[in-house]
Amino acid sequence: MPSDSFLNEYIEKKLIKPEKIGLDQIGKVIKSAGKSLKVAEKLLSIDEGHSYDTAYTAMLHAGRAFVFIKASDHQLIFSIRPLLPLTLIF
């Protein structure tokens, strides 16, 4: 099933709805990813398992922001490094 017909079917059934994503929302999701990475780094010495979970959450937020950027009408050029300055090595 092509993705357009799949989406249209679910929109008609009111299971999903289209949403306009603004640059402010994308920024909030990226900041949320950065906060999660900071927390994951601090948790690493206390509870390694929770640190992994929190880092995974950060990855999901970053992926979500990427999807928002790709799906939006906006052309963004940004560097993730200044926004997410932590490097976690597990």
N, C-alpha and C. Protein backbone atom coordinates (compact mmCIF):
# COMPACT_ATOMS: atom_id res chain seq x y z
N MET A 1 0.86 -1.17 0.00
CA MET A 1 0.00 0.00 0.00
C MET A 1 0.90 1.24 0.00
N PRO A 2 0.75 2.11 -0.96
CA PRO A 2 1.56 3.34 -0.98
C PRO A 2 1.30 4.18 0.27
N SER A 3 2.33 4.89 0.68
CA SER A 3 2.22 5.64 1.93
C SER A 3 1.13 6.72 1.89
N ASP A 4 0.92 7.34 0.72
CA ASP A 4 -0.12 8.38 0.65
C ASP A 4 -1.50 7.80 0.89
N SER A 5 -1.80 6.67 0.30
CA SER A 5 -3.13 6.08 0.50
C SER A 5 -3.27 5.57 1.94
N PHE A 6 -2.20 5.04 2.48
CA PHE A 6 -2.20 4.59 3.87
C PHE A 6 -2.50 5.78 4.80
N LEU A 7 -1.80 6.89 4.59
CA LEU A 7 -2.02 8.06 5.43
C LEU A 7 -3.42 8.61 5.24
N ASN A 8 -3.87 8.72 4.00
CA ASN A 8 -5.21 9.25 3.74
C ASN A 8 -6.29 8.40 4.38
N GLU A 9 -6.12 7.09 4.33
CA GLU A 9 -7.09 6.18 4.95
C GLU A 9 -7.17 6.43 6.46
N TYR A 10 -6.03 6.57 7.11
CA TYR A 10 -6.02 6.78 8.55
C TYR A 10 -6.49 8.19 8.94
N ILE A 11 -6.26 9.15 8.07
CA ILE A 11 -6.78 10.50 8.32
C ILE A 11 -8.31 10.48 8.22
N GLU A 12 -8.85 9.80 7.21
CA GLU A 12 -10.30 9.70 7.04
C GLU A 12 -10.95 8.99 8.23
N LYS A 13 -10.27 7.98 8.77
CA LYS A 13 -10.79 7.25 9.92
C LYS A 13 -10.57 8.01 11.23
N LYS A 14 -9.92 9.19 11.13
CA LYS A 14 -9.62 10.04 12.27
C LYS A 14 -8.73 9.34 13.30
N LEU A 15 -7.88 8.45 12.81
CA LEU A 15 -6.91 7.79 13.67
C LEU A 15 -5.64 8.62 13.81
N ILE A 16 -5.36 9.41 12.79
CA ILE A 16 -4.23 10.35 12.83
C ILE A 16 -4.71 11.68 12.27
N LYS A 17 -3.96 12.72 12.54
CA LYS A 17 -4.30 14.01 11.96
C LYS A 17 -3.02 14.72 11.55
N PRO A 18 -3.08 15.44 10.44
CA PRO A 18 -1.90 16.20 10.02
C PRO A 18 -1.60 17.31 11.02
N GLU A 19 -0.36 17.61 11.17
CA GLU A 19 0.02 18.66 12.11
C GLU A 19 1.13 19.50 11.48
N LYS A 20 1.01 20.80 11.61
CA LYS A 20 2.06 21.70 11.16
C LYS A 20 3.10 21.79 12.27
N ILE A 21 4.32 21.54 11.92
CA ILE A 21 5.41 21.59 12.88
C ILE A 21 6.21 22.86 12.61
N GLY A 22 6.32 23.69 13.62
CA GLY A 22 7.07 24.94 13.48
C GLY A 22 8.51 24.79 13.92
N LEU A 23 9.30 25.76 13.54
CA LEU A 23 10.71 25.74 13.93
C LEU A 23 10.88 25.77 15.44
N ASP A 24 9.96 26.43 16.14
CA ASP A 24 10.05 26.48 17.59
C ASP A 24 9.86 25.09 18.20
N GLN A 25 8.95 24.30 17.63
CA GLN A 25 8.75 22.94 18.12
C GLN A 25 9.97 22.07 17.86
N ILE A 26 10.58 22.23 16.70
CA ILE A 26 11.78 21.47 16.37
C ILE A 26 12.89 21.82 17.35
N GLY A 27 13.04 23.10 17.63
CA GLY A 27 14.06 23.54 18.59
C GLY A 27 13.84 22.95 19.97
N LYS A 28 12.58 22.88 20.40
CA LYS A 28 12.27 22.31 21.72
C LYS A 28 12.64 20.83 21.78
N VAL A 29 12.38 20.11 20.70
CA VAL A 29 12.70 18.68 20.67
C VAL A 29 14.22 18.48 20.71
N ILE A 30 14.95 19.33 19.99
CA ILE A 30 16.42 19.23 20.00
C ILE A 30 16.96 19.56 21.39
N LYS A 31 16.41 20.58 22.03
CA LYS A 31 16.84 20.93 23.39
C LYS A 31 16.53 19.80 24.36
N SER A 32 15.38 19.16 24.17
CA SER A 32 15.02 18.03 25.02
C SER A 32 16.03 16.90 24.87
N ALA A 33 16.48 16.66 23.64
CA ALA A 33 17.51 15.64 23.41
C ALA A 33 18.79 16.01 24.14
N GLY A 34 19.17 17.28 24.08
CA GLY A 34 20.38 17.72 24.77
C GLY A 34 20.29 17.55 26.28
N LYS A 35 19.12 17.87 26.84
CA LYS A 35 18.92 17.70 28.28
C LYS A 35 19.02 16.22 28.66
N SER A 36 18.42 15.37 27.85
CA SER A 36 18.48 13.93 28.14
C SER A 36 19.92 13.42 28.10
N LEU A 37 20.72 13.92 27.16
CA LEU A 37 22.12 13.51 27.11
C LEU A 37 22.89 13.96 28.35
N LYS A 38 22.61 15.17 28.82
CA LYS A 38 23.28 15.66 30.02
C LYS A 38 22.93 14.78 31.22
N VAL A 39 21.65 14.43 31.32
CA VAL A 39 21.21 13.57 32.42
C VAL A 39 21.85 12.19 32.30
N ALA A 40 21.92 11.66 31.07
CA ALA A 40 22.53 10.34 30.86
C ALA A 40 23.99 10.34 31.29
N GLU A 41 24.70 11.42 30.99
CA GLU A 41 26.10 11.50 31.39
C GLU A 41 26.24 11.50 32.91
N LYS A 42 25.36 12.23 33.59
CA LYS A 42 25.44 12.27 35.05
C LYS A 42 25.03 10.94 35.67
N LEU A 43 24.10 10.24 35.04
CA LEU A 43 23.65 8.95 35.56
C LEU A 43 24.66 7.84 35.37
N LEU A 44 25.57 8.02 34.45
CA LEU A 44 26.51 6.95 34.08
C LEU A 44 27.27 6.41 35.29
N SER A 45 27.70 7.28 36.18
CA SER A 45 28.46 6.82 37.34
C SER A 45 27.56 6.26 38.44
N ILE A 46 26.26 6.55 38.36
CA ILE A 46 25.33 6.12 39.41
C ILE A 46 24.61 4.83 39.02
N ASP A 47 24.04 4.83 37.82
CA ASP A 47 23.25 3.69 37.36
C ASP A 47 23.39 3.57 35.84
N GLU A 48 24.23 2.66 35.43
CA GLU A 48 24.55 2.52 34.00
C GLU A 48 23.31 2.17 33.17
N GLY A 49 22.45 1.33 33.68
CA GLY A 49 21.24 0.94 32.95
C GLY A 49 20.33 2.12 32.65
N HIS A 50 20.09 2.94 33.67
CA HIS A 50 19.25 4.11 33.46
C HIS A 50 19.93 5.13 32.55
N SER A 51 21.25 5.15 32.61
CA SER A 51 21.99 6.05 31.72
C SER A 51 21.76 5.65 30.27
N TYR A 52 21.81 4.35 29.98
CA TYR A 52 21.54 3.87 28.62
C TYR A 52 20.12 4.23 28.19
N ASP A 53 19.16 4.02 29.09
CA ASP A 53 17.76 4.35 28.77
C ASP A 53 17.60 5.83 28.44
N THR A 54 18.24 6.67 29.23
CA THR A 54 18.13 8.11 29.03
C THR A 54 18.83 8.53 27.75
N ALA A 55 19.98 7.93 27.45
CA ALA A 55 20.68 8.23 26.20
C ALA A 55 19.84 7.78 25.00
N TYR A 56 19.16 6.65 25.14
CA TYR A 56 18.28 6.16 24.08
C TYR A 56 17.12 7.14 23.86
N THR A 57 16.58 7.66 24.95
CA THR A 57 15.52 8.66 24.84
C THR A 57 16.03 9.89 24.10
N ALA A 58 17.24 10.30 24.38
CA ALA A 58 17.84 11.44 23.68
C ALA A 58 17.94 11.15 22.18
N MET A 59 18.33 9.93 21.84
CA MET A 59 18.42 9.55 20.44
C MET A 59 17.05 9.60 19.77
N LEU A 60 16.02 9.15 20.47
CA LEU A 60 14.66 9.21 19.92
C LEU A 60 14.22 10.64 19.68
N HIS A 61 14.52 11.54 20.63
CA HIS A 61 14.18 12.95 20.45
C HIS A 61 14.92 13.53 19.25
N ALA A 62 16.20 13.22 19.12
CA ALA A 62 16.97 13.74 17.99
C ALA A 62 16.42 13.20 16.67
N GLY A 63 16.06 11.93 16.64
CA GLY A 63 15.46 11.34 15.44
C GLY A 63 14.13 11.98 15.10
N ARG A 64 13.35 12.26 16.11
CA ARG A 64 12.05 12.91 15.90
C ARG A 64 12.24 14.31 15.32
N ALA A 65 13.22 15.03 15.84
CA ALA A 65 13.52 16.37 15.32
C ALA A 65 13.94 16.28 13.85
N PHE A 66 14.74 15.26 13.53
CA PHE A 66 15.19 15.08 12.15
C PHE A 66 13.99 14.83 11.23
N VAL A 67 13.06 14.00 11.67
CA VAL A 67 11.86 13.73 10.87
C VAL A 67 11.05 15.00 10.70
N PHE A 68 10.92 15.79 11.76
CA PHE A 68 10.19 17.06 11.66
C PHE A 68 10.85 17.97 10.63
N ILE A 69 12.18 18.04 10.67
CA ILE A 69 12.90 18.90 9.73
C ILE A 69 12.68 18.43 8.30
N LYS A 70 12.81 17.13 8.08
CA LYS A 70 12.65 16.58 6.73
C LYS A 70 11.21 16.74 6.23
N ALA A 71 10.24 16.68 7.13
CA ALA A 71 8.84 16.76 6.74
C ALA A 71 8.34 18.19 6.62
N SER A 72 9.09 19.13 7.17
CA SER A 72 8.62 20.51 7.17
C SER A 72 8.96 21.19 5.85
N ASP A 73 8.35 22.33 5.64
CA ASP A 73 8.62 23.13 4.45
C ASP A 73 9.88 23.97 4.63
N HIS A 74 10.44 23.95 5.81
CA HIS A 74 11.58 24.80 6.12
C HIS A 74 12.88 24.13 5.68
N GLN A 75 13.79 24.93 5.22
CA GLN A 75 15.12 24.45 4.91
C GLN A 75 16.01 24.88 6.08
N LEU A 76 16.53 23.93 6.79
CA LEU A 76 17.37 24.24 7.94
C LEU A 76 18.78 23.73 7.73
N ILE A 77 19.73 24.55 8.06
CA ILE A 77 21.11 24.11 8.10
C ILE A 77 21.56 24.40 9.52
N PHE A 78 21.91 23.36 10.24
CA PHE A 78 22.33 23.57 11.62
C PHE A 78 23.38 22.54 11.98
N SER A 79 24.08 22.85 13.01
CA SER A 79 25.08 21.93 13.52
C SER A 79 24.56 21.36 14.82
N ILE A 80 24.57 20.08 14.95
CA ILE A 80 24.07 19.45 16.17
C ILE A 80 25.10 19.58 17.29
N ARG A 81 26.38 19.73 16.97
CA ARG A 81 27.41 19.76 17.99
C ARG A 81 27.23 20.90 19.00
N PRO A 82 26.97 22.15 18.60
CA PRO A 82 26.80 23.18 19.63
C PRO A 82 25.57 22.95 20.50
N LEU A 83 24.55 22.31 19.94
CA LEU A 83 23.32 22.08 20.71
C LEU A 83 23.47 20.90 21.65
N LEU A 84 24.24 19.90 21.23
CA LEU A 84 24.43 18.69 22.04
C LEU A 84 25.93 18.49 22.26
N PRO A 85 26.50 19.21 23.21
CA PRO A 85 27.95 19.20 23.34
C PRO A 85 28.53 17.95 23.99
N LEU A 86 27.71 17.06 24.49
CA LEU A 86 28.23 15.90 25.21
C LEU A 86 28.49 14.74 24.25
N THR A 87 29.53 14.04 24.51
CA THR A 87 29.81 12.82 23.77
C THR A 87 29.83 11.69 24.80
N LEU A 88 28.93 10.78 24.65
CA LEU A 88 28.87 9.65 25.57
C LEU A 88 29.48 8.43 24.89
N ILE A 89 30.41 7.81 25.55
CA ILE A 89 31.03 6.59 25.04
C ILE A 89 30.73 5.50 26.04
N PHE A 90 30.01 4.49 25.59
CA PHE A 90 29.64 3.38 26.49
C PHE A 90 30.44 2.17 26.13
